[in-house]
Amino acid sequence: MVSDPSSVFGGLPPELYEQLIREQQFIKIRLDRRKFGKEVTIIEGITGSTSELKQIASKLKSKLATGGTVKEGRIELQGDHRHRVKQILIEEFGFPPENIMIID
């Protein structure tokens, strides 16, 4: 990530820079089945550093009262939380709803 985002985007405030980045991301939320029939919600397409992904994962885990992790640039949450994750990403993080796709 750039240390001074305003130098890249012609002096835009950091809030506008972050909003532009969010609007360019296409997020996929899907359900995966693991051993013993366990369900895992996978969130892919959120760009950012590992620490940024961990912050988002932490907030999602506390909102959903579930466990989870960040692996290979994606967030994995225990259980089926596809629709609630979409709602939280829109309301709490400001991602545009048209850029979030739930794969059934």
Protein backbone atom coordinates (compact mmCIF):
# COMPACT_ATOMS: atom_id res chain seq x y z
CA MET A 1 0.00 0.00 0.00
CA VAL A 2 1.15 3.55 -0.63
CA SER A 3 2.36 5.46 2.41
CA ASP A 4 0.86 8.73 1.13
CA PRO A 5 -2.29 7.99 -0.87
CA SER A 6 -2.82 11.67 -1.72
CA SER A 7 0.32 11.62 -3.87
CA VAL A 8 -1.23 8.91 -6.07
CA PHE A 9 -4.75 10.36 -6.34
CA GLY A 10 -3.92 14.03 -6.81
CA GLY A 11 -4.44 15.23 -3.27
CA LEU A 12 -7.67 13.36 -2.49
CA PRO A 13 -8.46 13.07 1.22
CA PRO A 14 -7.79 9.60 2.67
CA GLU A 15 -11.54 8.98 3.18
CA LEU A 16 -12.26 9.45 -0.54
CA TYR A 17 -9.23 7.34 -1.46
CA GLU A 18 -10.48 4.48 0.73
CA GLN A 19 -13.99 4.79 -0.74
CA LEU A 20 -12.59 4.57 -4.28
CA ILE A 21 -10.67 1.42 -3.36
CA ARG A 22 -13.81 -0.15 -1.83
CA GLU A 23 -15.89 0.62 -4.92
CA GLN A 24 -13.36 -1.13 -7.18
CA GLN A 25 -13.40 -4.41 -5.24
CA PHE A 26 -15.65 -7.30 -6.23
CA ILE A 27 -16.34 -9.52 -3.22
CA LYS A 28 -17.53 -13.13 -3.43
CA ILE A 29 -19.10 -14.84 -0.42
CA ARG A 30 -19.57 -18.61 -0.63
CA LEU A 31 -20.16 -21.62 1.57
CA ASP A 32 -17.69 -24.48 1.74
CA ARG A 33 -18.22 -27.86 3.41
CA ARG A 34 -15.33 -29.36 5.30
CA LYS A 35 -14.71 -32.62 7.11
CA PHE A 36 -17.56 -34.03 9.17
CA GLY A 37 -20.09 -31.77 7.42
CA LYS A 38 -18.74 -28.54 8.93
CA GLU A 39 -19.76 -25.38 7.06
CA VAL A 40 -17.32 -22.51 6.46
CA THR A 41 -18.19 -19.11 4.99
CA ILE A 42 -15.44 -17.95 2.59
CA ILE A 43 -15.05 -14.23 1.76
CA GLU A 44 -12.79 -13.50 -1.23
CA GLY A 45 -11.93 -10.35 -3.14
CA ILE A 46 -11.20 -7.88 -0.34
CA THR A 47 -7.88 -6.31 -1.24
CA GLY A 48 -5.52 -5.05 1.39
CA SER A 49 -2.71 -6.13 3.61
CA THR A 50 -2.95 -9.16 5.86
CA SER A 51 -3.34 -6.88 8.88
CA GLU A 52 -6.29 -5.09 7.23
CA LEU A 53 -7.93 -8.42 6.45
CA LYS A 54 -7.36 -9.53 10.04
CA GLN A 55 -9.07 -6.36 11.31
CA ILE A 56 -12.09 -7.00 9.09
CA ALA A 57 -12.15 -10.68 10.12
CA SER A 58 -11.97 -9.71 13.79
CA LYS A 59 -14.93 -7.36 13.49
CA LEU A 60 -16.95 -9.98 11.56
CA LYS A 61 -16.13 -12.67 14.12
CA SER A 62 -17.25 -10.50 17.04
CA LYS A 63 -20.45 -9.37 15.25
CA LEU A 64 -21.36 -12.95 14.30
CA ALA A 65 -20.12 -14.58 17.53
CA THR A 66 -18.11 -17.18 15.62
CA GLY A 67 -14.54 -18.29 15.03
CA GLY A 68 -12.55 -17.74 11.90
CA THR A 69 -9.20 -16.98 10.30
CA VAL A 70 -7.44 -15.25 7.42
CA LYS A 71 -5.78 -17.64 4.94
CA GLU A 72 -4.27 -16.99 1.52
CA GLY A 73 -5.84 -13.55 1.16
CA ARG A 74 -9.35 -14.62 2.12
CA ILE A 75 -11.44 -14.64 5.29
CA GLU A 76 -12.88 -17.94 6.57
CA LEU A 77 -15.65 -17.96 9.19
CA GLN A 78 -17.06 -21.01 10.94
CA GLY A 79 -20.69 -21.65 10.01
CA ASP A 80 -23.07 -20.33 7.34
CA HIS A 81 -23.12 -16.53 7.65
CA ARG A 82 -23.34 -15.52 3.97
CA HIS A 83 -26.27 -13.10 4.17
CA ARG A 84 -25.27 -11.51 7.48
CA VAL A 85 -21.69 -11.02 6.24
CA LYS A 86 -22.98 -9.14 3.20
CA GLN A 87 -25.13 -6.92 5.42
CA ILE A 88 -22.20 -6.15 7.76
CA LEU A 89 -19.81 -5.41 4.87
CA ILE A 90 -22.33 -2.89 3.50
CA GLU A 91 -23.34 -1.25 6.78
CA GLU A 92 -20.10 -1.32 8.77
CA PHE A 93 -17.41 -1.13 6.11
CA GLY A 94 -19.16 0.83 3.34
CA PHE A 95 -18.76 -1.68 0.52
CA PRO A 96 -21.30 -1.10 -2.30
CA PRO A 97 -24.02 -3.80 -2.35
CA GLU A 98 -23.72 -4.27 -6.12
CA ASN A 99 -20.07 -5.34 -5.68
CA ILE A 100 -20.89 -8.17 -3.24
CA MET A 101 -22.04 -11.47 -4.68
CA ILE A 102 -23.31 -14.41 -2.65
CA ILE A 103 -22.60 -17.71 -4.39
CA ASP A 104 -25.16 -20.37 -3.48
